[in-house]
N, C-alpha and C. Protein backbone atom coordinates (compact mmCIF):
# COMPACT_ATOMS: atom_id res chain seq x y z
N MET A 1 0.89 -1.11 -0.07
CA MET A 1 0.03 -0.07 0.01
C MET A 1 0.99 1.20 -0.05
N ASN A 2 0.61 2.16 -0.90
CA ASN A 2 1.35 3.35 -1.05
C ASN A 2 0.76 4.49 -0.14
N MET A 3 1.48 4.82 0.88
CA MET A 3 1.04 5.88 1.87
C MET A 3 1.63 7.19 1.49
N GLN A 4 0.91 8.18 1.31
CA GLN A 4 1.42 9.59 1.15
C GLN A 4 1.10 10.40 2.33
N ILE A 5 2.03 10.81 3.04
CA ILE A 5 1.80 11.66 4.26
C ILE A 5 2.62 12.96 4.24
N LEU A 6 2.11 13.92 4.61
CA LEU A 6 2.85 15.31 4.59
C LEU A 6 2.79 15.71 6.10
N PHE A 7 3.86 16.43 6.48
CA PHE A 7 3.89 17.08 7.80
C PHE A 7 3.71 18.63 7.39
N VAL A 8 2.70 19.16 7.96
CA VAL A 8 2.17 20.49 7.75
C VAL A 8 2.36 21.36 8.99
N ILE A 9 3.03 22.52 8.78
CA ILE A 9 3.14 23.52 9.92
C ILE A 9 2.31 24.70 9.37
N SER A 10 1.28 24.99 10.17
CA SER A 10 0.37 26.02 9.63
C SER A 10 0.92 27.42 9.75
N ASN A 11 1.38 27.81 10.90
CA ASN A 11 1.94 29.15 10.95
C ASN A 11 3.37 29.08 11.59
N PRO A 12 4.17 28.79 10.60
CA PRO A 12 5.65 28.58 11.08
C PRO A 12 6.43 29.85 11.24
N ASP A 13 7.41 29.71 12.02
CA ASP A 13 8.40 30.77 12.20
C ASP A 13 9.66 30.19 11.47
N VAL A 14 10.05 30.73 10.34
CA VAL A 14 11.15 30.33 9.58
C VAL A 14 12.37 31.19 9.61
N PHE A 15 13.42 30.51 9.79
CA PHE A 15 14.79 31.23 9.94
C PHE A 15 15.74 30.64 8.93
N LYS A 16 16.47 31.56 8.21
CA LYS A 16 17.47 31.07 7.24
C LYS A 16 18.87 31.31 7.86
N SER A 17 19.72 30.25 7.64
CA SER A 17 21.07 30.27 8.19
C SER A 17 21.88 31.31 7.32
N PRO A 18 22.61 32.26 7.99
CA PRO A 18 23.28 33.29 7.17
C PRO A 18 24.49 32.69 6.47
N THR A 19 24.97 31.46 6.82
CA THR A 19 26.09 31.01 6.06
C THR A 19 25.87 29.91 5.15
N SER A 20 24.62 29.55 4.98
CA SER A 20 24.30 28.40 4.05
C SER A 20 22.80 28.55 3.62
N ASP A 21 22.41 27.69 2.69
CA ASP A 21 21.04 27.64 2.23
C ASP A 21 20.14 26.68 3.04
N THR A 22 20.35 26.83 4.38
CA THR A 22 19.62 26.01 5.35
C THR A 22 18.64 26.82 6.06
N TYR A 23 17.39 26.19 6.09
CA TYR A 23 16.27 26.78 6.74
C TYR A 23 15.81 26.11 8.01
N ILE A 24 15.38 26.77 8.94
CA ILE A 24 14.80 26.17 10.14
C ILE A 24 13.37 26.58 10.41
N ALA A 25 12.41 25.65 10.53
CA ALA A 25 11.07 25.99 10.68
C ALA A 25 10.63 25.62 12.11
N PHE A 26 10.01 26.52 12.83
CA PHE A 26 9.44 26.25 14.20
C PHE A 26 7.99 26.38 14.17
N GLY A 27 7.26 25.48 14.89
CA GLY A 27 5.79 25.48 14.76
C GLY A 27 5.25 24.03 15.09
N GLU A 28 4.02 24.06 15.18
CA GLU A 28 3.25 22.63 15.57
C GLU A 28 3.14 21.96 14.13
N ALA A 29 3.69 20.84 14.12
CA ALA A 29 3.61 20.03 12.88
C ALA A 29 2.44 19.12 13.04
N LYS A 30 1.70 19.03 12.00
CA LYS A 30 0.50 18.17 11.96
C LYS A 30 0.64 17.28 10.75
N ILE A 31 0.14 15.93 10.93
CA ILE A 31 0.24 14.96 9.88
C ILE A 31 -0.92 15.17 8.96
N GLU A 32 -0.78 15.20 7.68
CA GLU A 32 -1.88 15.30 6.68
C GLU A 32 -1.70 13.98 5.79
N ASP A 33 -2.73 13.21 5.82
CA ASP A 33 -2.65 11.93 5.02
C ASP A 33 -3.35 12.22 3.67
N LEU A 34 -2.48 12.26 2.56
CA LEU A 34 -2.95 12.72 1.29
C LEU A 34 -4.03 11.46 0.76
N SER A 35 -3.74 10.29 1.08
CA SER A 35 -4.45 9.20 0.54
C SER A 35 -5.91 9.24 1.03
N SER A 36 -6.11 9.69 2.20
CA SER A 36 -7.51 9.91 2.84
C SER A 36 -8.17 11.13 2.25
N GLN A 37 -7.35 12.09 1.86
CA GLN A 37 -7.96 13.35 1.20
C GLN A 37 -8.48 12.89 -0.19
N LEU A 38 -7.73 12.09 -0.86
CA LEU A 38 -8.12 11.66 -2.20
C LEU A 38 -9.47 10.83 -2.13
N GLN A 39 -9.53 10.08 -1.05
CA GLN A 39 -10.72 9.24 -0.95
C GLN A 39 -12.00 10.10 -0.61
N THR A 40 -11.69 11.06 0.19
CA THR A 40 -12.75 12.09 0.51
C THR A 40 -13.14 12.88 -0.77
N GLN A 41 -12.24 13.28 -1.52
CA GLN A 41 -12.54 13.97 -2.82
C GLN A 41 -13.38 13.15 -3.72
N ALA A 42 -12.98 11.77 -3.84
CA ALA A 42 -13.68 10.79 -4.66
C ALA A 42 -15.02 10.63 -4.14
N ALA A 43 -15.30 10.64 -2.93
CA ALA A 43 -16.63 10.44 -2.34
C ALA A 43 -17.54 11.72 -2.59
N GLU A 44 -16.93 12.95 -2.57
CA GLU A 44 -17.62 14.18 -2.96
C GLU A 44 -18.23 14.12 -4.34
N GLN A 45 -17.59 13.41 -5.25
CA GLN A 45 -18.05 13.35 -6.60
C GLN A 45 -19.38 12.62 -6.72
N PHE A 46 -19.60 11.78 -5.79
CA PHE A 46 -20.87 10.93 -5.85
C PHE A 46 -21.97 11.56 -4.93
N LYS A 47 -21.84 12.65 -4.44
CA LYS A 47 -22.92 13.35 -3.68
C LYS A 47 -23.88 13.80 -4.68
N ALA A 48 -25.19 13.93 -4.17
CA ALA A 48 -26.18 14.53 -5.04
C ALA A 48 -25.84 16.00 -5.39
N PRO A 49 -26.10 16.37 -6.67
CA PRO A 49 -25.91 17.66 -6.99
C PRO A 49 -26.78 18.70 -6.35
N ASN A 50 -26.27 19.89 -6.15
CA ASN A 50 -27.07 20.99 -5.59
C ASN A 50 -27.91 21.59 -6.63
N LEU A 51 -29.14 21.46 -6.72
CA LEU A 51 -30.04 22.01 -7.78
C LEU A 51 -30.66 23.25 -7.37
N SER A 52 -30.28 23.90 -6.27
CA SER A 52 -30.92 25.15 -5.83
C SER A 52 -30.76 26.25 -6.77
N HIS A 53 -29.61 26.31 -7.61
CA HIS A 53 -29.56 27.40 -8.53
C HIS A 53 -30.10 27.13 -9.84
N VAL A 54 -30.62 26.02 -10.08
CA VAL A 54 -31.31 25.75 -11.32
C VAL A 54 -32.71 26.24 -11.31
N THR A 55 -33.17 27.08 -12.51
CA THR A 55 -34.42 27.62 -12.53
C THR A 55 -35.15 26.74 -13.55
N MET A 56 -36.46 26.66 -13.32
CA MET A 56 -37.36 25.93 -14.34
C MET A 56 -37.61 26.78 -15.52
N LYS A 57 -37.66 26.17 -16.69
CA LYS A 57 -37.98 26.91 -17.88
C LYS A 57 -39.51 27.22 -17.96
N PRO A 58 -39.92 28.33 -18.43
CA PRO A 58 -41.34 28.54 -18.62
C PRO A 58 -41.98 27.43 -19.44
N GLU A 59 -43.17 27.06 -19.08
CA GLU A 59 -43.89 25.93 -19.79
C GLU A 59 -44.37 26.49 -21.07
N SER A 60 -44.49 25.58 -22.14
CA SER A 60 -44.93 26.02 -23.42
C SER A 60 -46.50 26.44 -23.33
N SER A 61 -46.91 27.04 -24.38
CA SER A 61 -48.29 27.45 -24.52
C SER A 61 -49.38 26.25 -24.38
N THR A 62 -48.94 25.05 -24.81
CA THR A 62 -49.77 23.97 -24.89
C THR A 62 -49.93 23.57 -23.39
N ALA A 63 -48.85 23.65 -22.57
CA ALA A 63 -49.06 23.41 -21.14
C ALA A 63 -50.05 24.40 -20.44
N ALA A 64 -49.87 25.64 -20.95
CA ALA A 64 -50.72 26.63 -20.26
C ALA A 64 -52.26 26.31 -20.66
N GLN A 65 -52.43 25.85 -21.87
CA GLN A 65 -53.78 25.45 -22.33
C GLN A 65 -54.37 24.36 -21.49
N GLU A 66 -53.50 23.33 -21.23
CA GLU A 66 -53.86 22.24 -20.35
C GLU A 66 -54.37 22.62 -19.07
N ASP A 67 -53.73 23.74 -18.51
CA ASP A 67 -54.21 24.25 -17.20
C ASP A 67 -55.53 24.83 -17.16
N GLU A 68 -55.85 25.47 -18.34
CA GLU A 68 -57.15 26.01 -18.48
C GLU A 68 -58.29 25.01 -18.55
N GLU A 69 -57.91 23.87 -19.06
CA GLU A 69 -58.97 22.79 -19.18
C GLU A 69 -59.26 22.26 -17.79
N GLU A 70 -60.35 21.64 -17.63
CA GLU A 70 -60.81 20.95 -16.38
C GLU A 70 -59.97 19.68 -16.24
N ILE A 71 -59.40 19.46 -15.07
CA ILE A 71 -58.47 18.28 -14.86
C ILE A 71 -59.25 17.33 -14.09
N ASP A 72 -59.28 16.12 -14.57
CA ASP A 72 -60.05 14.95 -13.65
C ASP A 72 -59.03 14.56 -12.66
N ASP A 73 -59.25 15.01 -11.44
CA ASP A 73 -58.18 14.53 -10.26
C ASP A 73 -59.04 13.65 -9.30
N THR A 74 -60.06 13.02 -9.78
CA THR A 74 -60.65 12.02 -8.91
C THR A 74 -59.74 10.84 -8.49
N GLY A 75 -59.76 10.47 -7.24
CA GLY A 75 -58.88 9.44 -6.73
C GLY A 75 -57.48 10.02 -6.37
N VAL A 76 -57.25 11.20 -6.47
CA VAL A 76 -55.85 11.86 -6.14
C VAL A 76 -56.16 12.99 -4.94
N GLU A 77 -55.45 12.96 -4.00
CA GLU A 77 -55.53 13.91 -2.98
C GLU A 77 -55.00 15.21 -3.37
N PRO A 78 -55.81 16.34 -3.13
CA PRO A 78 -55.37 17.64 -3.49
C PRO A 78 -53.94 18.15 -2.92
N LYS A 79 -53.78 17.62 -1.61
CA LYS A 79 -52.43 17.98 -0.96
C LYS A 79 -51.31 17.25 -1.64
N ASP A 80 -51.58 15.98 -2.17
CA ASP A 80 -50.62 15.30 -2.92
C ASP A 80 -50.21 16.00 -4.22
N VAL A 81 -51.24 16.42 -4.94
CA VAL A 81 -51.07 17.22 -6.16
C VAL A 81 -50.10 18.35 -5.86
N GLU A 82 -50.45 19.15 -4.82
CA GLU A 82 -49.64 20.43 -4.49
C GLU A 82 -48.30 20.06 -4.19
N LEU A 83 -47.99 18.90 -3.43
CA LEU A 83 -46.71 18.55 -3.15
C LEU A 83 -45.94 18.14 -4.37
N VAL A 84 -46.61 17.43 -5.34
CA VAL A 84 -45.77 16.95 -6.54
C VAL A 84 -45.55 18.20 -7.33
N MET A 85 -46.44 19.09 -7.44
CA MET A 85 -46.27 20.32 -8.25
C MET A 85 -45.10 21.14 -7.73
N THR A 86 -45.03 21.25 -6.40
CA THR A 86 -43.97 22.02 -5.83
C THR A 86 -42.57 21.35 -5.95
N GLN A 87 -42.59 20.11 -5.62
CA GLN A 87 -41.23 19.40 -5.65
C GLN A 87 -40.82 19.18 -7.06
N ALA A 88 -41.62 18.89 -8.01
CA ALA A 88 -41.22 18.60 -9.41
C ALA A 88 -41.17 19.85 -10.28
N GLY A 89 -41.78 20.80 -9.85
CA GLY A 89 -41.91 22.07 -10.68
C GLY A 89 -42.72 21.95 -11.92
N VAL A 90 -43.88 21.24 -11.84
CA VAL A 90 -44.66 21.07 -13.05
C VAL A 90 -46.12 21.56 -12.82
N SER A 91 -46.81 21.60 -13.82
CA SER A 91 -48.16 22.17 -13.85
C SER A 91 -49.18 21.18 -13.09
N ARG A 92 -50.24 21.62 -12.82
CA ARG A 92 -51.33 20.77 -11.97
C ARG A 92 -51.67 19.54 -12.83
N ALA A 93 -51.89 19.72 -14.18
CA ALA A 93 -52.20 18.64 -15.09
C ALA A 93 -51.18 17.56 -15.04
N ASN A 94 -49.85 17.93 -15.24
CA ASN A 94 -48.74 16.94 -15.15
C ASN A 94 -48.63 16.23 -13.80
N ALA A 95 -48.93 17.06 -12.82
CA ALA A 95 -48.76 16.33 -11.43
C ALA A 95 -49.91 15.26 -11.29
N VAL A 96 -51.20 15.61 -11.59
CA VAL A 96 -52.26 14.66 -11.58
C VAL A 96 -51.99 13.49 -12.39
N LYS A 97 -51.44 13.66 -13.62
CA LYS A 97 -51.25 12.50 -14.52
C LYS A 97 -50.06 11.59 -13.97
N ALA A 98 -49.13 12.24 -13.39
CA ALA A 98 -47.95 11.45 -12.78
C ALA A 98 -48.50 10.65 -11.56
N LEU A 99 -49.33 11.26 -10.73
CA LEU A 99 -49.87 10.70 -9.55
C LEU A 99 -50.77 9.50 -9.97
N LYS A 100 -51.52 9.71 -10.95
CA LYS A 100 -52.44 8.55 -11.42
C LYS A 100 -51.67 7.39 -11.99
N ALA A 101 -50.58 7.68 -12.74
CA ALA A 101 -49.78 6.66 -13.35
C ALA A 101 -48.96 5.90 -12.28
N ALA A 102 -48.61 6.55 -11.10
CA ALA A 102 -47.99 5.96 -10.04
C ALA A 102 -48.95 5.41 -8.95
N ASP A 103 -50.16 5.33 -9.25
CA ASP A 103 -51.07 4.85 -8.33
C ASP A 103 -51.22 5.56 -6.99
N GLY A 104 -51.04 6.89 -7.09
CA GLY A 104 -51.03 7.75 -5.88
C GLY A 104 -49.70 7.79 -5.03
N ASP A 105 -48.62 7.11 -5.56
CA ASP A 105 -47.40 7.12 -4.87
C ASP A 105 -46.68 8.39 -5.11
N ILE A 106 -46.54 9.31 -4.18
CA ILE A 106 -46.00 10.58 -4.36
C ILE A 106 -44.53 10.55 -4.74
N VAL A 107 -43.68 9.75 -4.10
CA VAL A 107 -42.29 9.67 -4.41
C VAL A 107 -42.11 9.27 -5.84
N SER A 108 -42.76 8.18 -6.29
CA SER A 108 -42.66 7.71 -7.63
C SER A 108 -42.99 8.72 -8.71
N ALA A 109 -44.16 9.47 -8.34
CA ALA A 109 -44.63 10.48 -9.27
C ALA A 109 -43.52 11.52 -9.44
N ILE A 110 -42.92 12.04 -8.33
CA ILE A 110 -41.95 13.11 -8.40
C ILE A 110 -40.63 12.54 -9.10
N MET A 111 -40.32 11.33 -8.87
CA MET A 111 -39.12 10.73 -9.49
C MET A 111 -39.34 10.60 -11.00
N ASP A 112 -40.51 10.20 -11.43
CA ASP A 112 -40.90 10.15 -12.90
C ASP A 112 -40.82 11.49 -13.49
N LEU A 113 -41.27 12.46 -12.85
CA LEU A 113 -41.28 13.86 -13.40
C LEU A 113 -39.90 14.59 -13.47
N THR A 114 -39.01 14.08 -12.58
CA THR A 114 -37.72 14.89 -12.47
C THR A 114 -36.51 14.08 -13.04
N THR A 115 -36.83 12.87 -13.41
CA THR A 115 -35.67 12.08 -14.16
C THR A 115 -35.90 11.81 -15.61
């Protein structure tokens, strides 16, 4: 196993010898394990992306026309529709369709709409 370790002095006092190219560093030395840092960085790549900065595109005019039409939301809870609309950023019609397709399963409906 290849271990890569550094000794790090955060705020060193460094002095140079006047007679040679020799330096002396005073301070608290801490061990920094580079292999564990690389593992941490690799793990960071697999975290879920932060989507807070992403904005939704405005829906097309056909989607706006769907909203004006009467939506058959029988068998679907209104609070579930609101939750799916908020979490997936979709119209009421799309939220109702997704909930019906997922047999009322909120998580599945949101996942279907966002992936």
